[in-house]
Amino acid sequence: MSLRRLEALALDQLRTECARLAIENDTLRTRAERAEAEADAAREDAHDAYMQLIDTGAQIGITLDGHIGIIHEAAQHMDGQGHMQSALDAAMATTLEATA
């Protein structure tokens, strides 16, 4: 096989691979755009739910060990050191003390 023929085959393979990569790139861009739009919609939904929750007088809180939950104003109290503590934190502290 001549050098010219090998160069032509190599060029053909490169063109084929470039075309395949262009299609894959377009597909991935489309998927990324769709995922970004879905993430934006989920963020907006979460924000709307949060605003509705605030309107009820409740708050979103996080416990000492990272659990997220709803804290109603009535569920807040002072701990033994004069700090505001949620019922979730108090329950977790009680659980931690009981297991220690």
N, C-alpha and C. Protein backbone atom coordinates (compact mmCIF):
# COMPACT_ATOMS: atom_id res chain seq x y z
N MET A 1 0.85 -1.16 0.00
CA MET A 1 0.00 0.00 0.00
C MET A 1 0.91 1.24 0.00
N SER A 2 0.56 2.19 -0.79
CA SER A 2 1.39 3.38 -0.93
C SER A 2 1.18 4.33 0.25
N LEU A 3 2.15 5.20 0.44
CA LEU A 3 2.08 6.20 1.50
C LEU A 3 0.87 7.11 1.31
N ARG A 4 0.61 7.48 0.07
CA ARG A 4 -0.55 8.33 -0.23
C ARG A 4 -1.86 7.64 0.16
N ARG A 5 -1.95 6.37 -0.10
CA ARG A 5 -3.15 5.61 0.24
C ARG A 5 -3.32 5.52 1.76
N LEU A 6 -2.23 5.31 2.50
CA LEU A 6 -2.29 5.26 3.96
C LEU A 6 -2.71 6.61 4.54
N GLU A 7 -2.18 7.69 3.98
CA GLU A 7 -2.55 9.03 4.42
C GLU A 7 -4.04 9.29 4.18
N ALA A 8 -4.54 8.85 3.05
CA ALA A 8 -5.95 9.03 2.73
C ALA A 8 -6.83 8.25 3.70
N LEU A 9 -6.43 7.03 4.04
CA LEU A 9 -7.18 6.22 5.01
C LEU A 9 -7.17 6.88 6.40
N ALA A 10 -6.00 7.37 6.80
CA ALA A 10 -5.89 8.02 8.10
C ALA A 10 -6.76 9.28 8.14
N LEU A 11 -6.74 10.06 7.08
CA LEU A 11 -7.56 11.26 7.01
C LEU A 11 -9.04 10.91 7.06
N ASP A 12 -9.43 9.85 6.38
CA ASP A 12 -10.82 9.40 6.39
C ASP A 12 -11.25 8.99 7.80
N GLN A 13 -10.36 8.28 8.50
CA GLN A 13 -10.67 7.87 9.87
C GLN A 13 -10.79 9.09 10.79
N LEU A 14 -9.92 10.06 10.62
CA LEU A 14 -10.00 11.28 11.42
C LEU A 14 -11.30 12.04 11.17
N ARG A 15 -11.70 12.13 9.91
CA ARG A 15 -12.95 12.81 9.58
C ARG A 15 -14.15 12.10 10.21
N THR A 16 -14.14 10.77 10.14
CA THR A 16 -15.22 9.98 10.73
C THR A 16 -15.28 10.19 12.23
N GLU A 17 -14.12 10.18 12.88
CA GLU A 17 -14.07 10.38 14.33
C GLU A 17 -14.51 11.80 14.71
N CYS A 18 -14.11 12.78 13.94
CA CYS A 18 -14.53 14.16 14.19
C CYS A 18 -16.04 14.30 14.07
N ALA A 19 -16.63 13.67 13.08
CA ALA A 19 -18.08 13.72 12.91
C ALA A 19 -18.79 13.06 14.09
N ARG A 20 -18.25 11.92 14.53
CA ARG A 20 -18.84 11.22 15.68
C ARG A 20 -18.75 12.09 16.94
N LEU A 21 -17.59 12.71 17.15
CA LEU A 21 -17.40 13.56 18.32
C LEU A 21 -18.29 14.80 18.28
N ALA A 22 -18.54 15.34 17.10
CA ALA A 22 -19.42 16.50 16.97
C ALA A 22 -20.85 16.13 17.37
N ILE A 23 -21.29 14.96 16.96
CA ILE A 23 -22.63 14.49 17.33
C ILE A 23 -22.71 14.26 18.84
N GLU A 24 -21.68 13.62 19.39
CA GLU A 24 -21.65 13.37 20.83
C GLU A 24 -21.63 14.69 21.62
N ASN A 25 -20.87 15.65 21.12
CA ASN A 25 -20.80 16.96 21.76
C ASN A 25 -22.17 17.64 21.77
N ASP A 26 -22.87 17.61 20.65
CA ASP A 26 -24.21 18.20 20.58
C ASP A 26 -25.17 17.51 21.54
N THR A 27 -25.09 16.19 21.61
CA THR A 27 -25.95 15.43 22.52
C THR A 27 -25.67 15.81 23.97
N LEU A 28 -24.40 15.90 24.33
CA LEU A 28 -24.04 16.25 25.70
C LEU A 28 -24.43 17.68 26.05
N ARG A 29 -24.29 18.59 25.10
CA ARG A 29 -24.72 19.97 25.33
C ARG A 29 -26.22 20.04 25.58
N THR A 30 -26.98 19.30 24.79
CA THR A 30 -28.43 19.27 24.95
C THR A 30 -28.80 18.72 26.33
N ARG A 31 -28.15 17.62 26.73
CA ARG A 31 -28.42 17.03 28.04
C ARG A 31 -28.05 17.98 29.17
N ALA A 32 -26.93 18.69 29.03
CA ALA A 32 -26.50 19.64 30.06
C ALA A 32 -27.49 20.80 30.16
N GLU A 33 -27.95 21.29 29.04
CA GLU A 33 -28.93 22.39 29.05
C GLU A 33 -30.23 21.94 29.70
N ARG A 34 -30.66 20.72 29.40
CA ARG A 34 -31.89 20.18 29.99
C ARG A 34 -31.72 20.03 31.51
N ALA A 35 -30.58 19.50 31.94
CA ALA A 35 -30.33 19.31 33.37
C ALA A 35 -30.28 20.66 34.09
N GLU A 36 -29.69 21.65 33.46
CA GLU A 36 -29.63 22.98 34.07
C GLU A 36 -31.03 23.58 34.21
N ALA A 37 -31.85 23.40 33.19
CA ALA A 37 -33.23 23.91 33.26
C ALA A 37 -34.02 23.19 34.35
N GLU A 38 -33.83 21.88 34.48
CA GLU A 38 -34.52 21.13 35.52
C GLU A 38 -34.04 21.55 36.90
N ALA A 39 -32.75 21.80 37.06
CA ALA A 39 -32.21 22.26 38.34
C ALA A 39 -32.76 23.63 38.70
N ASP A 40 -32.86 24.52 37.72
CA ASP A 40 -33.43 25.84 37.97
C ASP A 40 -34.89 25.73 38.42
N ALA A 41 -35.64 24.85 37.77
CA ALA A 41 -37.04 24.66 38.13
C ALA A 41 -37.16 24.09 39.55
N ALA A 42 -36.30 23.14 39.89
CA ALA A 42 -36.33 22.56 41.23
C ALA A 42 -35.97 23.60 42.27
N ARG A 43 -34.99 24.44 41.97
CA ARG A 43 -34.60 25.51 42.90
C ARG A 43 -35.76 26.48 43.11
N GLU A 44 -36.44 26.85 42.04
CA GLU A 44 -37.58 27.75 42.15
C GLU A 44 -38.70 27.11 42.96
N ASP A 45 -38.96 25.82 42.74
CA ASP A 45 -39.98 25.11 43.51
C ASP A 45 -39.63 25.09 45.00
N ALA A 46 -38.36 24.81 45.30
CA ALA A 46 -37.91 24.78 46.70
C ALA A 46 -38.04 26.16 47.33
N HIS A 47 -37.69 27.19 46.59
CA HIS A 47 -37.81 28.55 47.12
C HIS A 47 -39.27 28.90 47.38
N ASP A 48 -40.15 28.56 46.45
CA ASP A 48 -41.58 28.82 46.63
C ASP A 48 -42.12 28.08 47.86
N ALA A 49 -41.72 26.83 48.03
CA ALA A 49 -42.16 26.05 49.19
C ALA A 49 -41.64 26.67 50.48
N TYR A 50 -40.38 27.12 50.45
CA TYR A 50 -39.80 27.77 51.62
C TYR A 50 -40.57 29.04 51.98
N MET A 51 -40.90 29.84 50.98
CA MET A 51 -41.64 31.08 51.23
C MET A 51 -43.03 30.77 51.80
N GLN A 52 -43.68 29.73 51.29
CA GLN A 52 -44.99 29.33 51.82
C GLN A 52 -44.85 28.85 53.27
N LEU A 53 -43.77 28.15 53.55
CA LEU A 53 -43.53 27.65 54.90
C LEU A 53 -43.34 28.81 55.87
N ILE A 54 -42.58 29.80 55.46
CA ILE A 54 -42.36 30.97 56.30
C ILE A 54 -43.68 31.67 56.59
N ASP A 55 -44.56 31.73 55.60
CA ASP A 55 -45.86 32.37 55.79
C ASP A 55 -46.69 31.69 56.87
N THR A 56 -46.41 30.42 57.15
CA THR A 56 -47.15 29.70 58.19
C THR A 56 -46.57 29.92 59.57
N GLY A 57 -45.42 30.61 59.65
CA GLY A 57 -44.78 30.83 60.95
C GLY A 57 -43.75 29.78 61.30
N ALA A 58 -43.55 28.83 60.44
CA ALA A 58 -42.57 27.77 60.70
C ALA A 58 -41.23 28.17 60.07
N GLN A 59 -40.21 27.47 60.47
CA GLN A 59 -38.88 27.69 59.91
C GLN A 59 -38.26 26.35 59.57
N ILE A 60 -37.32 26.40 58.66
CA ILE A 60 -36.53 25.21 58.38
C ILE A 60 -35.31 25.28 59.28
N GLY A 61 -35.03 24.20 59.97
CA GLY A 61 -33.88 24.17 60.86
C GLY A 61 -33.03 22.94 60.60
N ILE A 62 -31.86 22.97 61.17
CA ILE A 62 -30.96 21.84 61.03
C ILE A 62 -30.52 21.41 62.43
N THR A 63 -30.53 20.12 62.65
CA THR A 63 -30.14 19.62 63.96
C THR A 63 -28.62 19.60 64.08
N LEU A 64 -28.16 19.30 65.26
CA LEU A 64 -26.72 19.26 65.50
C LEU A 64 -26.02 18.24 64.62
N ASP A 65 -26.71 17.19 64.25
CA ASP A 65 -26.07 16.16 63.43
C ASP A 65 -26.42 16.27 61.94
N GLY A 66 -27.02 17.40 61.56
CA GLY A 66 -27.21 17.66 60.13
C GLY A 66 -28.57 17.29 59.56
N HIS A 67 -29.52 16.85 60.36
CA HIS A 67 -30.85 16.55 59.84
C HIS A 67 -31.62 17.85 59.64
N ILE A 68 -32.35 17.94 58.55
CA ILE A 68 -33.14 19.12 58.24
C ILE A 68 -34.59 18.83 58.58
N GLY A 69 -35.25 19.82 59.19
CA GLY A 69 -36.65 19.63 59.54
C GLY A 69 -37.35 20.96 59.71
N ILE A 70 -38.63 20.90 60.01
CA ILE A 70 -39.45 22.10 60.21
C ILE A 70 -39.49 22.41 61.70
N ILE A 71 -39.25 23.66 62.02
CA ILE A 71 -39.28 24.11 63.41
C ILE A 71 -40.38 25.15 63.52
N HIS A 72 -41.39 24.86 64.31
CA HIS A 72 -42.45 25.83 64.57
C HIS A 72 -42.00 26.72 65.72
N GLU A 73 -42.47 27.95 65.74
CA GLU A 73 -42.04 28.89 66.79
C GLU A 73 -42.27 28.31 68.18
N ALA A 74 -43.35 27.61 68.36
CA ALA A 74 -43.66 27.03 69.67
C ALA A 74 -42.68 25.93 70.04
N ALA A 75 -41.98 25.40 69.08
CA ALA A 75 -41.06 24.30 69.34
C ALA A 75 -39.67 24.79 69.71
N GLN A 76 -39.48 26.10 69.80
CA GLN A 76 -38.18 26.64 70.18
C GLN A 76 -38.18 26.93 71.68
N HIS A 77 -37.06 26.68 72.32
CA HIS A 77 -36.94 26.96 73.75
C HIS A 77 -35.49 27.26 74.08
N MET A 78 -35.26 27.72 75.29
CA MET A 78 -33.90 28.02 75.73
C MET A 78 -33.28 26.75 76.31
N ASP A 79 -32.03 26.51 75.94
CA ASP A 79 -31.34 25.36 76.53
C ASP A 79 -30.78 25.78 77.89
N GLY A 80 -30.09 24.90 78.57
CA GLY A 80 -29.57 25.18 79.90
C GLY A 80 -28.53 26.28 79.95
N GLN A 81 -27.98 26.67 78.82
CA GLN A 81 -26.94 27.70 78.79
C GLN A 81 -27.48 29.03 78.26
N GLY A 82 -28.78 29.17 78.14
CA GLY A 82 -29.37 30.41 77.70
C GLY A 82 -29.36 30.62 76.20
N HIS A 83 -29.15 29.56 75.41
CA HIS A 83 -29.17 29.65 73.95
C HIS A 83 -30.50 29.14 73.42
N MET A 84 -30.99 29.77 72.34
CA MET A 84 -32.21 29.31 71.70
C MET A 84 -31.92 27.95 71.07
N GLN A 85 -32.79 27.01 71.31
CA GLN A 85 -32.60 25.66 70.78
C GLN A 85 -33.93 25.17 70.23
N SER A 86 -33.88 24.52 69.09
CA SER A 86 -35.11 23.99 68.50
C SER A 86 -35.47 22.67 69.16
N ALA A 87 -36.71 22.28 68.97
CA ALA A 87 -37.14 20.98 69.48
C ALA A 87 -36.37 19.86 68.81
N LEU A 88 -36.01 20.06 67.55
CA LEU A 88 -35.22 19.03 66.86
C LEU A 88 -33.86 18.86 67.52
N ASP A 89 -33.18 19.98 67.83
CA ASP A 89 -31.89 19.90 68.50
C ASP A 89 -32.04 19.28 69.89
N ALA A 90 -33.08 19.69 70.59
CA ALA A 90 -33.31 19.16 71.93
C ALA A 90 -33.54 17.65 71.87
N ALA A 91 -34.33 17.21 70.90
CA ALA A 91 -34.60 15.78 70.76
C ALA A 91 -33.32 15.03 70.42
N MET A 92 -32.52 15.60 69.54
CA MET A 92 -31.27 14.95 69.16
C MET A 92 -30.31 14.92 70.34
N ALA A 93 -30.23 16.01 71.11
CA ALA A 93 -29.35 16.06 72.27
C ALA A 93 -29.78 15.01 73.30
N THR A 94 -31.10 14.88 73.50
CA THR A 94 -31.61 13.88 74.42
C THR A 94 -31.27 12.48 73.93
N THR A 95 -31.41 12.26 72.62
CA THR A 95 -31.08 10.95 72.04
C THR A 95 -29.60 10.66 72.20
N LEU A 96 -28.76 11.67 71.94
CA LEU A 96 -27.32 11.48 72.06
C LEU A 96 -26.93 11.20 73.49
N GLU A 97 -27.53 11.90 74.46
CA GLU A 97 -27.23 11.67 75.85
C GLU A 97 -27.65 10.27 76.27
N ALA A 98 -28.79 9.80 75.76
CA ALA A 98 -29.30 8.48 76.13
C ALA A 98 -28.42 7.36 75.56
N THR A 99 -27.80 7.61 74.43
CA THR A 99 -26.97 6.57 73.81
C THR A 99 -25.52 6.62 74.29
N ALA A 100 -25.16 7.70 74.99
CA ALA A 100 -23.75 7.83 75.44
C ALA A 100 -23.49 7.03 76.70
